[in-house]
Structure formats: C-alpha cells, structure tokens
C-alpha cells in the first residue's frame, strides 16, 4: 500500500502514533525541507484511497533545509502526543510542535 504525499516533499523520518486520541494511528512524516505532514485514514487502513495527507504548517518551513528524525512524546504533560525534531542547518536546535487536540 502507498500513502500519497504532498508534491515536492522528500521524506526523511516517520513516526506512527495516535495523535488525536481517536484510537487510530496517524503517520507523521518529516521531510528534507518544507512542512511536516501527517497522514490519517477513514475506513479500512489497508486501502490507499482511505488515507489523506495534511501539512503541519510551521513558520519559515521553506528556509529549514534539513530536519532530522521525528519523535512523538507528551512534552508538556497535557496528555497528548507532541512532535519533537531537530534541524542541523541554521541553528534552530530542538523544534517542538505542540499538539492542539487537547
């Protein structure tokens, strides 16, 4: 099965976890450049047509040329999974994307 990704996006890392608490896993993908994105499904997860990809918009995404790895962890202790990553070019350090689901 293939999950279609946004055009011009070159995946580097992936994490799989239930981000929104609906008991279904989402796939979070970190690209070589551009916005992160998540894929979620409605219906049978084994069918490609049931998956859709949504960008996770962040300021300055196109200037960030290389993010490395993606980690899902409850950084702020609010009971949901947040996204943490790093960037090796430009001195951004650790980047935290807070999950707005709770």
PDB file of N, CA and C in Angstrom:
ATOM      1  N   UNK A   1       0.830  -1.161   0.000  1.00  0.00           N
ATOM      2  CA  UNK A   1       0.000   0.000   0.000  1.00  0.00           C
ATOM      3  C   UNK A   1       0.888   1.242   0.000  1.00  0.00           C
ATOM      4  N   UNK A   2       0.457   2.282  -0.675  1.00  0.00           N
ATOM      5  CA  UNK A   2       1.203   3.530  -0.770  1.00  0.00           C
ATOM      6  C   UNK A   2       0.329   4.674  -0.276  1.00  0.00           C
ATOM      7  N   UNK A   3       0.852   5.469   0.658  1.00  0.00           N
ATOM      8  CA  UNK A   3       0.155   6.674   1.104  1.00  0.00           C
ATOM      9  C   UNK A   3       0.720   7.823   0.291  1.00  0.00           C
ATOM     10  N   UNK A   4      -0.138   8.499  -0.462  1.00  0.00           N
ATOM     11  CA  UNK A   4       0.330   9.611  -1.296  1.00  0.00           C
ATOM     12  C   UNK A   4       0.756  10.766  -0.407  1.00  0.00           C
ATOM     13  N   UNK A   5       1.842  11.409  -0.800  1.00  0.00           N
ATOM     14  CA  UNK A   5       2.406  12.512  -0.025  1.00  0.00           C
ATOM     15  C   UNK A   5       2.266  13.811  -0.798  1.00  0.00           C
ATOM     16  N   UNK A   6       2.415  14.952  -0.110  1.00  0.00           N
ATOM     17  CA  UNK A   6       2.393  16.232  -0.820  1.00  0.00           C
ATOM     18  C   UNK A   6       3.522  16.304  -1.851  1.00  0.00           C
ATOM     19  N   UNK A   7       3.267  16.965  -2.976  1.00  0.00           N
ATOM     20  CA  UNK A   7       4.267  17.101  -4.040  1.00  0.00           C
ATOM     21  C   UNK A   7       5.503  17.843  -3.551  1.00  0.00           C
ATOM     22  N   UNK A   8       6.667  17.458  -4.055  1.00  0.00           N
ATOM     23  CA  UNK A   8       7.914  18.133  -3.746  1.00  0.00           C
ATOM     24  C   UNK A   8       8.419  17.881  -2.338  1.00  0.00           C
ATOM     25  N   UNK A   9       7.877  16.898  -1.676  1.00  0.00           N
ATOM     26  CA  UNK A   9       8.237  16.598  -0.292  1.00  0.00           C
ATOM     27  C   UNK A   9       9.136  15.368  -0.306  1.00  0.00           C
ATOM     28  N   UNK A  10      10.279  15.445   0.334  1.00  0.00           N
ATOM     29  CA  UNK A  10      11.222  14.332   0.339  1.00  0.00           C
ATOM     30  C   UNK A  10      11.323  13.783   1.755  1.00  0.00           C
ATOM     31  N   UNK A  11      10.572  12.714   2.082  1.00  0.00           N
ATOM     32  CA  UNK A  11      10.534  12.199   3.453  1.00  0.00           C
ATOM     33  C   UNK A  11      11.901  11.751   3.956  1.00  0.00           C
ATOM     34  N   UNK A  12      12.173  12.055   5.229  1.00  0.00           N
ATOM     35  CA  UNK A  12      13.416  11.652   5.894  1.00  0.00           C
ATOM     36  C   UNK A  12      13.154  10.796   7.117  1.00  0.00           C
ATOM     37  N   UNK A  13      12.080  11.075   7.826  1.00  0.00           N
ATOM     38  CA  UNK A  13      11.783  10.352   9.051  1.00  0.00           C
ATOM     39  C   UNK A  13      10.286  10.153   9.191  1.00  0.00           C
ATOM     40  N   UNK A  14       9.905   9.162   9.963  1.00  0.00           N
ATOM     41  CA  UNK A  14       8.492   8.855  10.147  1.00  0.00           C
ATOM     42  C   UNK A  14       8.249   8.401  11.580  1.00  0.00           C
ATOM     43  N   UNK A  15       7.078   8.734  12.089  1.00  0.00           N
ATOM     44  CA  UNK A  15       6.641   8.250  13.399  1.00  0.00           C
ATOM     45  C   UNK A  15       5.168   7.889  13.282  1.00  0.00           C
ATOM     46  N   UNK A  16       4.761   6.851  13.991  1.00  0.00           N
ATOM     47  CA  UNK A  16       3.383   6.377  13.921  1.00  0.00           C
ATOM     48  C   UNK A  16       2.823   6.312  15.331  1.00  0.00           C
ATOM     49  N   UNK A  17       1.692   6.991  15.523  1.00  0.00           N
ATOM     50  CA  UNK A  17       1.073   7.046  16.845  1.00  0.00           C
ATOM     51  C   UNK A  17      -0.297   7.692  16.722  1.00  0.00           C
ATOM     52  N   UNK A  18      -1.162   7.423  17.680  1.00  0.00           N
ATOM     53  CA  UNK A  18      -2.473   8.064  17.733  1.00  0.00           C
ATOM     54  C   UNK A  18      -2.301   9.489  18.261  1.00  0.00           C
ATOM     55  N   UNK A  19      -2.262  10.457  17.370  1.00  0.00           N
ATOM     56  CA  UNK A  19      -2.050  11.855  17.761  1.00  0.00           C
ATOM     57  C   UNK A  19      -3.286  12.513  18.343  1.00  0.00           C
ATOM     58  N   UNK A  20      -4.458  12.144  17.849  1.00  0.00           N
ATOM     59  CA  UNK A  20      -5.665  12.868  18.232  1.00  0.00           C
ATOM     60  C   UNK A  20      -6.601  12.108  19.175  1.00  0.00           C
ATOM     61  N   UNK A  21      -6.174  10.962  19.666  1.00  0.00           N
ATOM     62  CA  UNK A  21      -6.965  10.228  20.654  1.00  0.00           C
ATOM     63  C   UNK A  21      -8.189   9.526  20.112  1.00  0.00           C
ATOM     64  N   UNK A  22      -8.232   9.248  18.802  1.00  0.00           N
ATOM     65  CA  UNK A  22      -9.389   8.579  18.211  1.00  0.00           C
ATOM     66  C   UNK A  22      -9.204   7.064  18.105  1.00  0.00           C
ATOM     67  N   UNK A  23      -8.168   6.532  18.726  1.00  0.00           N
ATOM     68  CA  UNK A  23      -7.828   5.098  18.715  1.00  0.00           C
ATOM     69  C   UNK A  23      -7.369   4.604  17.346  1.00  0.00           C
ATOM     70  N   UNK A  24      -7.041   5.520  16.430  1.00  0.00           N
ATOM     71  CA  UNK A  24      -6.478   5.164  15.125  1.00  0.00           C
ATOM     72  C   UNK A  24      -5.130   5.865  14.998  1.00  0.00           C
ATOM     73  N   UNK A  25      -4.142   5.145  14.509  1.00  0.00           N
ATOM     74  CA  UNK A  25      -2.810   5.733  14.351  1.00  0.00           C
ATOM     75  C   UNK A  25      -2.750   6.699  13.178  1.00  0.00           C
ATOM     76  N   UNK A  26      -1.987   7.761  13.363  1.00  0.00           N
ATOM     77  CA  UNK A  26      -1.630   8.667  12.294  1.00  0.00           C
ATOM     78  C   UNK A  26      -0.154   8.436  11.973  1.00  0.00           C
ATOM     79  N   UNK A  27       0.230   8.816  10.767  1.00  0.00           N
ATOM     80  CA  UNK A  27       1.619   8.728  10.345  1.00  0.00           C
ATOM     81  C   UNK A  27       2.133  10.159  10.223  1.00  0.00           C
ATOM     82  N   UNK A  28       3.177  10.494  10.969  1.00  0.00           N
ATOM     83  CA  UNK A  28       3.797  11.818  10.879  1.00  0.00           C
ATOM     84  C   UNK A  28       5.100  11.662  10.105  1.00  0.00           C
ATOM     85  N   UNK A  29       5.270  12.495   9.091  1.00  0.00           N
ATOM     86  CA  UNK A  29       6.445  12.408   8.235  1.00  0.00           C
ATOM     87  C   UNK A  29       7.211  13.722   8.308  1.00  0.00           C
ATOM     88  N   UNK A  30       8.507  13.606   8.469  1.00  0.00           N
ATOM     89  CA  UNK A  30       9.376  14.776   8.467  1.00  0.00           C
ATOM     90  C   UNK A  30      10.119  14.796   7.135  1.00  0.00           C
ATOM     91  N   UNK A  31      10.070  15.921   6.427  1.00  0.00           N
ATOM     92  CA  UNK A  31      10.677  15.993   5.108  1.00  0.00           C
ATOM     93  C   UNK A  31      12.097  16.527   5.137  1.00  0.00           C
ATOM     94  N   UNK A  32      12.756  16.422   4.000  1.00  0.00           N
ATOM     95  CA  UNK A  32      14.078  17.034   3.855  1.00  0.00           C
ATOM     96  C   UNK A  32      13.953  18.550   3.944  1.00  0.00           C
ATOM     97  N   UNK A  33      12.890  19.097   3.371  1.00  0.00           N
ATOM     98  CA  UNK A  33      12.598  20.523   3.508  1.00  0.00           C
ATOM     99  C   UNK A  33      11.091  20.715   3.366  1.00  0.00           C
ATOM    100  N   UNK A  34      10.606  21.855   3.815  1.00  0.00           N
ATOM    101  CA  UNK A  34       9.182  22.127   3.733  1.00  0.00           C
ATOM    102  C   UNK A  34       8.460  21.746   5.010  1.00  0.00           C
ATOM    103  N   UNK A  35       7.136  21.680   4.920  1.00  0.00           N
ATOM    104  CA  UNK A  35       6.314  21.397   6.086  1.00  0.00           C
ATOM    105  C   UNK A  35       6.301  19.918   6.437  1.00  0.00           C
ATOM    106  N   UNK A  36       6.203  19.641   7.723  1.00  0.00           N
ATOM    107  CA  UNK A  36       5.907  18.284   8.158  1.00  0.00           C
ATOM    108  C   UNK A  36       4.500  17.972   7.661  1.00  0.00           C
ATOM    109  N   UNK A  37       4.149  16.714   7.625  1.00  0.00           N
ATOM    110  CA  UNK A  37       2.777  16.369   7.296  1.00  0.00           C
ATOM    111  C   UNK A  37       2.367  15.115   8.031  1.00  0.00           C
ATOM    112  N   UNK A  38       1.057  14.972   8.187  1.00  0.00           N
ATOM    113  CA  UNK A  38       0.530  13.773   8.822  1.00  0.00           C
ATOM    114  C   UNK A  38      -0.460  13.121   7.878  1.00  0.00           C
ATOM    115  N   UNK A  39      -0.498  11.811   7.925  1.00  0.00           N
ATOM    116  CA  UNK A  39      -1.457  11.047   7.141  1.00  0.00           C
ATOM    117  C   UNK A  39      -2.401  10.353   8.106  1.00  0.00           C
ATOM    118  N   UNK A  40      -3.678  10.428   7.789  1.00  0.00           N
ATOM    119  CA  UNK A  40      -4.687   9.755   8.605  1.00  0.00           C
ATOM    120  C   UNK A  40      -5.639   9.025   7.668  1.00  0.00           C
ATOM    121  N   UNK A  41      -6.379   8.088   8.224  1.00  0.00           N
ATOM    122  CA  UNK A  41      -7.274   7.299   7.382  1.00  0.00           C
ATOM    123  C   UNK A  41      -8.698   7.337   7.913  1.00  0.00           C
ATOM    124  N   UNK A  42      -9.623   7.086   6.990  1.00  0.00           N
ATOM    125  CA  UNK A  42     -11.037   6.966   7.316  1.00  0.00           C
ATOM    126  C   UNK A  42     -11.521   5.689   6.650  1.00  0.00           C
ATOM    127  N   UNK A  43     -11.945   4.725   7.441  1.00  0.00           N
ATOM    128  CA  UNK A  43     -12.364   3.445   6.893  1.00  0.00           C
ATOM    129  C   UNK A  43     -11.279   2.399   7.058  1.00  0.00           C
ATOM    130  N   UNK A  44     -11.106   1.588   6.034  1.00  0.00           N
ATOM    131  CA  UNK A  44     -10.138   0.496   6.046  1.00  0.00           C
ATOM    132  C   UNK A  44      -8.724   1.040   5.811  1.00  0.00           C
ATOM    133  N   UNK A  45      -7.864   0.918   6.808  1.00  0.00           N
ATOM    134  CA  UNK A  45      -6.500   1.462   6.719  1.00  0.00           C
ATOM    135  C   UNK A  45      -5.646   0.750   5.677  1.00  0.00           C
ATOM    136  N   UNK A  46      -6.049  -0.426   5.226  1.00  0.00           N
ATOM    137  CA  UNK A  46      -5.240  -1.170   4.261  1.00  0.00           C
ATOM    138  C   UNK A  46      -5.466  -0.710   2.819  1.00  0.00           C
ATOM    139  N   UNK A  47      -6.368   0.252   2.607  1.00  0.00           N
ATOM    140  CA  UNK A  47      -6.646   0.754   1.259  1.00  0.00           C
ATOM    141  C   UNK A  47      -6.100   2.167   1.103  1.00  0.00           C
ATOM    142  N   UNK A  48      -5.255   2.358   0.111  1.00  0.00           N
ATOM    143  CA  UNK A  48      -4.603   3.653  -0.127  1.00  0.00           C
ATOM    144  C   UNK A  48      -5.587   4.804  -0.242  1.00  0.00           C
ATOM    145  N   UNK A  49      -6.712   4.559  -0.896  1.00  0.00           N
ATOM    146  CA  UNK A  49      -7.671   5.640  -1.134  1.00  0.00           C
ATOM    147  C   UNK A  49      -8.326   6.167   0.148  1.00  0.00           C
ATOM    148  N   UNK A  50      -8.180   5.440   1.253  1.00  0.00           N
ATOM    149  CA  UNK A  50      -8.766   5.882   2.524  1.00  0.00           C
ATOM    150  C   UNK A  50      -7.832   6.777   3.335  1.00  0.00           C
ATOM    151  N   UNK A  51      -6.623   7.011   2.846  1.00  0.00           N
ATOM    152  CA  UNK A  51      -5.638   7.837   3.542  1.00  0.00           C
ATOM    153  C   UNK A  51      -5.591   9.224   2.920  1.00  0.00           C
ATOM    154  N   UNK A  52      -5.393  10.229   3.757  1.00  0.00           N
ATOM    155  CA  UNK A  52      -5.186  11.587   3.261  1.00  0.00           C
ATOM    156  C   UNK A  52      -4.028  12.224   4.021  1.00  0.00           C
ATOM    157  N   UNK A  53      -3.269  13.059   3.321  1.00  0.00           N
ATOM    158  CA  UNK A  53      -2.111  13.730   3.917  1.00  0.00           C
ATOM    159  C   UNK A  53      -2.450  15.195   4.164  1.00  0.00           C
ATOM    160  N   UNK A  54      -2.081  15.689   5.343  1.00  0.00           N
ATOM    161  CA  UNK A  54      -2.338  17.071   5.736  1.00  0.00           C
ATOM    162  C   UNK A  54      -1.035  17.706   6.200  1.00  0.00           C
ATOM    163  N   UNK A  55      -0.677  18.865   5.647  1.00  0.00           N
ATOM    164  CA  UNK A  55       0.540  19.536   6.114  1.00  0.00           C
ATOM    165  C   UNK A  55       0.395  20.016   7.554  1.00  0.00           C
ATOM    166  N   UNK A  56       1.483  19.991   8.288  1.00  0.00           N
ATOM    167  CA  UNK A  56       1.553  20.590   9.616  1.00  0.00           C
ATOM    168  C   UNK A  56       2.339  21.878   9.409  1.00  0.00           C
ATOM    169  N   UNK A  57       1.621  22.984   9.260  1.00  0.00           N
ATOM    170  CA  UNK A  57       2.235  24.265   8.896  1.00  0.00           C
ATOM    171  C   UNK A  57       3.054  24.838  10.045  1.00  0.00           C
ATOM    172  N   UNK A  58       4.217  25.351   9.693  1.00  0.00           N
ATOM    173  CA  UNK A  58       5.100  25.994  10.668  1.00  0.00           C
ATOM    174  C   UNK A  58       5.720  27.226  10.021  1.00  0.00           C
ATOM    175  N   UNK A  59       6.013  28.261  10.808  1.00  0.00           N
ATOM    176  CA  UNK A  59       6.649  29.450  10.234  1.00  0.00           C
ATOM    177  C   UNK A  59       8.031  29.124   9.671  1.00  0.00           C
ATOM    178  N   UNK A  60       8.340  29.689   8.530  1.00  0.00           N
ATOM    179  CA  UNK A  60       9.675  29.552   7.960  1.00  0.00           C
ATOM    180  C   UNK A  60      10.030  28.166   7.474  1.00  0.00           C
ATOM    181  N   UNK A  61       9.043  27.351   7.144  1.00  0.00           N
ATOM    182  CA  UNK A  61       9.318  25.954   6.784  1.00  0.00           C
ATOM    183  C   UNK A  61      10.237  25.824   5.576  1.00  0.00           C
ATOM    184  N   UNK A  62      10.102  26.673   4.600  1.00  0.00           N
ATOM    185  CA  UNK A  62      10.918  26.532   3.394  1.00  0.00           C
ATOM    186  C   UNK A  62      12.368  26.945   3.621  1.00  0.00           C
ATOM    187  N   UNK A  63      12.645  27.683   4.695  1.00  0.00           N
ATOM    188  CA  UNK A  63      14.029  28.052   4.968  1.00  0.00           C
ATOM    189  C   UNK A  63      14.763  26.970   5.742  1.00  0.00           C
ATOM    190  N   UNK A  64      14.016  26.028   6.269  1.00  0.00           N
ATOM    191  CA  UNK A  64      14.619  24.947   7.050  1.00  0.00           C
ATOM    192  C   UNK A  64      14.976  23.839   6.055  1.00  0.00           C
ATOM    193  N   UNK A  65      16.232  23.659   5.784  1.00  0.00           N
ATOM    194  CA  UNK A  65      16.643  22.768   4.708  1.00  0.00           C
ATOM    195  C   UNK A  65      16.810  21.311   5.104  1.00  0.00           C
ATOM    196  N   UNK A  66      16.931  21.011   6.376  1.00  0.00           N
ATOM    197  CA  UNK A  66      17.151  19.610   6.717  1.00  0.00           C
ATOM    198  C   UNK A  66      16.771  19.348   8.167  1.00  0.00           C
ATOM    199  N   UNK A  67      15.596  18.790   8.372  1.00  0.00           N
ATOM    200  CA  UNK A  67      15.201  18.346   9.703  1.00  0.00           C
ATOM    201  C   UNK A  67      15.568  16.876   9.818  1.00  0.00           C
ATOM    202  N   UNK A  68      15.894  16.448  11.003  1.00  0.00           N
ATOM    203  CA  UNK A  68      16.315  15.070  11.212  1.00  0.00           C
ATOM    204  C   UNK A  68      15.451  14.400  12.264  1.00  0.00           C
ATOM    205  N   UNK A  69      14.918  13.247  11.905  1.00  0.00           N
ATOM    206  CA  UNK A  69      14.133  12.412  12.817  1.00  0.00           C
ATOM    207  C   UNK A  69      12.869  13.115  13.289  1.00  0.00           C
ATOM    208  N   UNK A  70      11.955  12.344  13.774  1.00  0.00           N
ATOM    209  CA  UNK A  70      10.728  12.867  14.363  1.00  0.00           C
ATOM    210  C   UNK A  70      10.403  11.992  15.565  1.00  0.00           C
ATOM    211  N   UNK A  71      10.077  12.625  16.658  1.00  0.00           N
ATOM    212  CA  UNK A  71       9.748  11.912  17.889  1.00  0.00           C
ATOM    213  C   UNK A  71       8.387  12.373  18.371  1.00  0.00           C
ATOM    214  N   UNK A  72       7.557  11.446  18.799  1.00  0.00           N
ATOM    215  CA  UNK A  72       6.257  11.768  19.363  1.00  0.00           C
ATOM    216  C   UNK A  72       6.303  11.492  20.851  1.00  0.00           C
ATOM    217  N   UNK A  73       6.055  12.539  21.642  1.00  0.00           N
ATOM    218  CA  UNK A  73       6.141  12.435  23.095  1.00  0.00           C
ATOM    219  C   UNK A  73       5.292  13.546  23.705  1.00  0.00           C
ATOM    220  N   UNK A  74       4.739  13.304  24.874  1.00  0.00           N
ATOM    221  CA  UNK A  74       3.960  14.324  25.579  1.00  0.00           C
ATOM    222  C   UNK A  74       4.928  15.261  26.296  1.00  0.00           C
ATOM    223  N   UNK A  75       5.439  16.259  25.593  1.00  0.00           N
ATOM    224  CA  UNK A  75       6.450  17.159  26.145  1.00  0.00           C
ATOM    225  C   UNK A  75       5.901  17.994  27.291  1.00  0.00           C
ATOM    226  N   UNK A  76       4.685  18.517  27.136  1.00  0.00           N
ATOM    227  CA  UNK A  76       4.142  19.460  28.111  1.00  0.00           C
ATOM    228  C   UNK A  76       3.236  18.829  29.167  1.00  0.00           C
ATOM    229  N   UNK A  77       3.103  17.493  29.159  1.00  0.00           N
ATOM    230  CA  UNK A  77       2.347  16.795  30.193  1.00  0.00           C
ATOM    231  C   UNK A  77       0.845  17.008  30.148  1.00  0.00           C
ATOM    232  N   UNK A  78       0.297  17.378  28.979  1.00  0.00           N
ATOM    233  CA  UNK A  78      -1.143  17.618  28.893  1.00  0.00           C
ATOM    234  C   UNK A  78      -1.933  16.406  28.415  1.00  0.00           C
ATOM    235  N   UNK A  79      -1.260  15.265  28.255  1.00  0.00           N
ATOM    236  CA  UNK A  79      -1.956  14.027  27.920  1.00  0.00           C
ATOM    237  C   UNK A  79      -2.026  13.714  26.438  1.00  0.00           C
ATOM    238  N   UNK A  80      -1.482  14.566  25.571  1.00  0.00           N
ATOM    239  CA  UNK A  80      -1.456  14.240  24.144  1.00  0.00           C
ATOM    240  C   UNK A  80      -0.014  14.216  23.638  1.00  0.00           C
ATOM    241  N   UNK A  81       0.158  13.631  22.474  1.00  0.00           N
ATOM    242  CA  UNK A  81       1.494  13.470  21.906  1.00  0.00           C
ATOM    243  C   UNK A  81       1.877  14.707  21.093  1.00  0.00           C
ATOM    244  N   UNK A  82       3.011  15.293  21.409  1.00  0.00           N
ATOM    245  CA  UNK A  82       3.552  16.418  20.663  1.00  0.00           C
ATOM    246  C   UNK A  82       4.647  15.897  19.728  1.00  0.00           C
ATOM    247  N   UNK A  83       5.089  16.737  18.811  1.00  0.00           N
ATOM    248  CA  UNK A  83       6.126  16.360  17.862  1.00  0.00           C
ATOM    249  C   UNK A  83       7.409  17.101  18.210  1.00  0.00           C
ATOM    250  N   UNK A  84       8.507  16.379  18.292  1.00  0.00           N
ATOM    251  CA  UNK A  84       9.818  16.987  18.519  1.00  0.00           C
ATOM    252  C   UNK A  84      10.749  16.541  17.398  1.00  0.00           C
ATOM    253  N   UNK A  85      11.590  17.467  16.944  1.00  0.00           N
ATOM    254  CA  UNK A  85      12.558  17.170  15.903  1.00  0.00           C
ATOM    255  C   UNK A  85      13.782  18.064  16.099  1.00  0.00           C
ATOM    256  N   UNK A  86      14.768  17.876  15.279  1.00  0.00           N
ATOM    257  CA  UNK A  86      15.951  18.737  15.295  1.00  0.00           C
ATOM    258  C   UNK A  86      16.250  19.174  13.872  1.00  0.00           C
ATOM    259  N   UNK A  87      17.079  20.191  13.765  1.00  0.00           N
ATOM    260  CA  UNK A  87      17.454  20.728  12.468  1.00  0.00           C
ATOM    261  C   UNK A  87      18.947  20.982  12.503  1.00  0.00           C
ATOM    262  N   UNK A  88      19.669  20.534  11.489  1.00  0.00           N
ATOM    263  CA  UNK A  88      21.128  20.639  11.575  1.00  0.00           C
ATOM    264  C   UNK A  88      21.703  21.849  10.849  1.00  0.00           C
ATOM    265  N   UNK A  89      20.934  22.504  10.008  1.00  0.00           N
ATOM    266  CA  UNK A  89      21.426  23.680   9.282  1.00  0.00           C
ATOM    267  C   UNK A  89      20.665  24.916   9.733  1.00  0.00           C
ATOM    268  N   UNK A  90      21.345  25.903  10.230  1.00  0.00           N
ATOM    269  CA  UNK A  90      20.682  27.154  10.568  1.00  0.00           C
ATOM    270  C   UNK A  90      20.540  27.418  12.048  1.00  0.00           C
ATOM    271  N   UNK A  91      20.947  26.480  12.895  1.00  0.00           N
ATOM    272  CA  UNK A  91      20.948  26.716  14.328  1.00  0.00           C
ATOM    273  C   UNK A  91      19.586  26.775  14.991  1.00  0.00           C
ATOM    274  N   UNK A  92      18.591  26.078  14.465  1.00  0.00           N
ATOM    275  CA  UNK A  92      17.261  26.081  15.074  1.00  0.00           C
ATOM    276  C   UNK A  92      17.227  25.276  16.365  1.00  0.00           C
ATOM    277  N   UNK A  93      18.111  24.321  16.547  1.00  0.00           N
ATOM    278  CA  UNK A  93      18.114  23.496  17.754  1.00  0.00           C
ATOM    279  C   UNK A  93      16.986  22.481  17.747  1.00  0.00           C
ATOM    280  N   UNK A  94      16.366  22.262  18.909  1.00  0.00           N
ATOM    281  CA  UNK A  94      15.235  21.337  19.027  1.00  0.00           C
ATOM    282  C   UNK A  94      13.960  22.100  18.680  1.00  0.00           C
ATOM    283  N   UNK A  95      13.127  21.502  17.855  1.00  0.00           N
ATOM    284  CA  UNK A  95      11.885  22.130  17.417  1.00  0.00           C
ATOM    285  C   UNK A  95      10.722  21.334  17.996  1.00  0.00           C
ATOM    286  N   UNK A  96       9.790  22.019  18.648  1.00  0.00           N
ATOM    287  CA  UNK A  96       8.638  21.386  19.297  1.00  0.00           C
ATOM    288  C   UNK A  96       7.365  21.873  18.624  1.00  0.00           C
ATOM    289  N   UNK A  97       6.551  20.924  18.159  1.00  0.00           N
ATOM    290  CA  UNK A  97       5.239  21.222  17.604  1.00  0.00           C
ATOM    291  C   UNK A  97       4.215  20.736  18.618  1.00  0.00           C
ATOM    292  N   UNK A  98       3.536  21.657  19.269  1.00  0.00           N
ATOM    293  CA  UNK A  98       2.550  21.269  20.276  1.00  0.00           C
ATOM    294  C   UNK A  98       1.290  20.757  19.596  1.00  0.00           C
ATOM    295  N   UNK A  99       0.780  19.639  20.084  1.00  0.00           N
ATOM    296  CA  UNK A  99      -0.446  19.046  19.583  1.00  0.00           C
ATOM    297  C   UNK A  99      -1.627  19.845  20.127  1.00  0.00           C
ATOM    298  N   UNK A 100      -2.459  20.427  19.257  1.00  0.00           N
ATOM    299  CA  UNK A 100      -3.587  21.234  19.730  1.00  0.00           C
ATOM    300  C   UNK A 100      -4.847  20.430  20.047  1.00  0.00           C
ATOM    301  N   UNK A 101      -4.785  19.089  20.016  1.00  0.00           N
ATOM    302  CA  UNK A 101      -6.002  18.286  20.175  1.00  0.00           C
ATOM    303  C   UNK A 101      -6.595  18.316  21.572  1.00  0.00           C
ATOM    304  N   UNK A 102      -5.828  18.728  22.604  1.00  0.00           N
ATOM    305  CA  UNK A 102      -6.381  18.809  23.966  1.00  0.00           C
ATOM    306  C   UNK A 102      -6.195  20.191  24.517  1.00  0.00           C
TER     307      UNK A 102
END
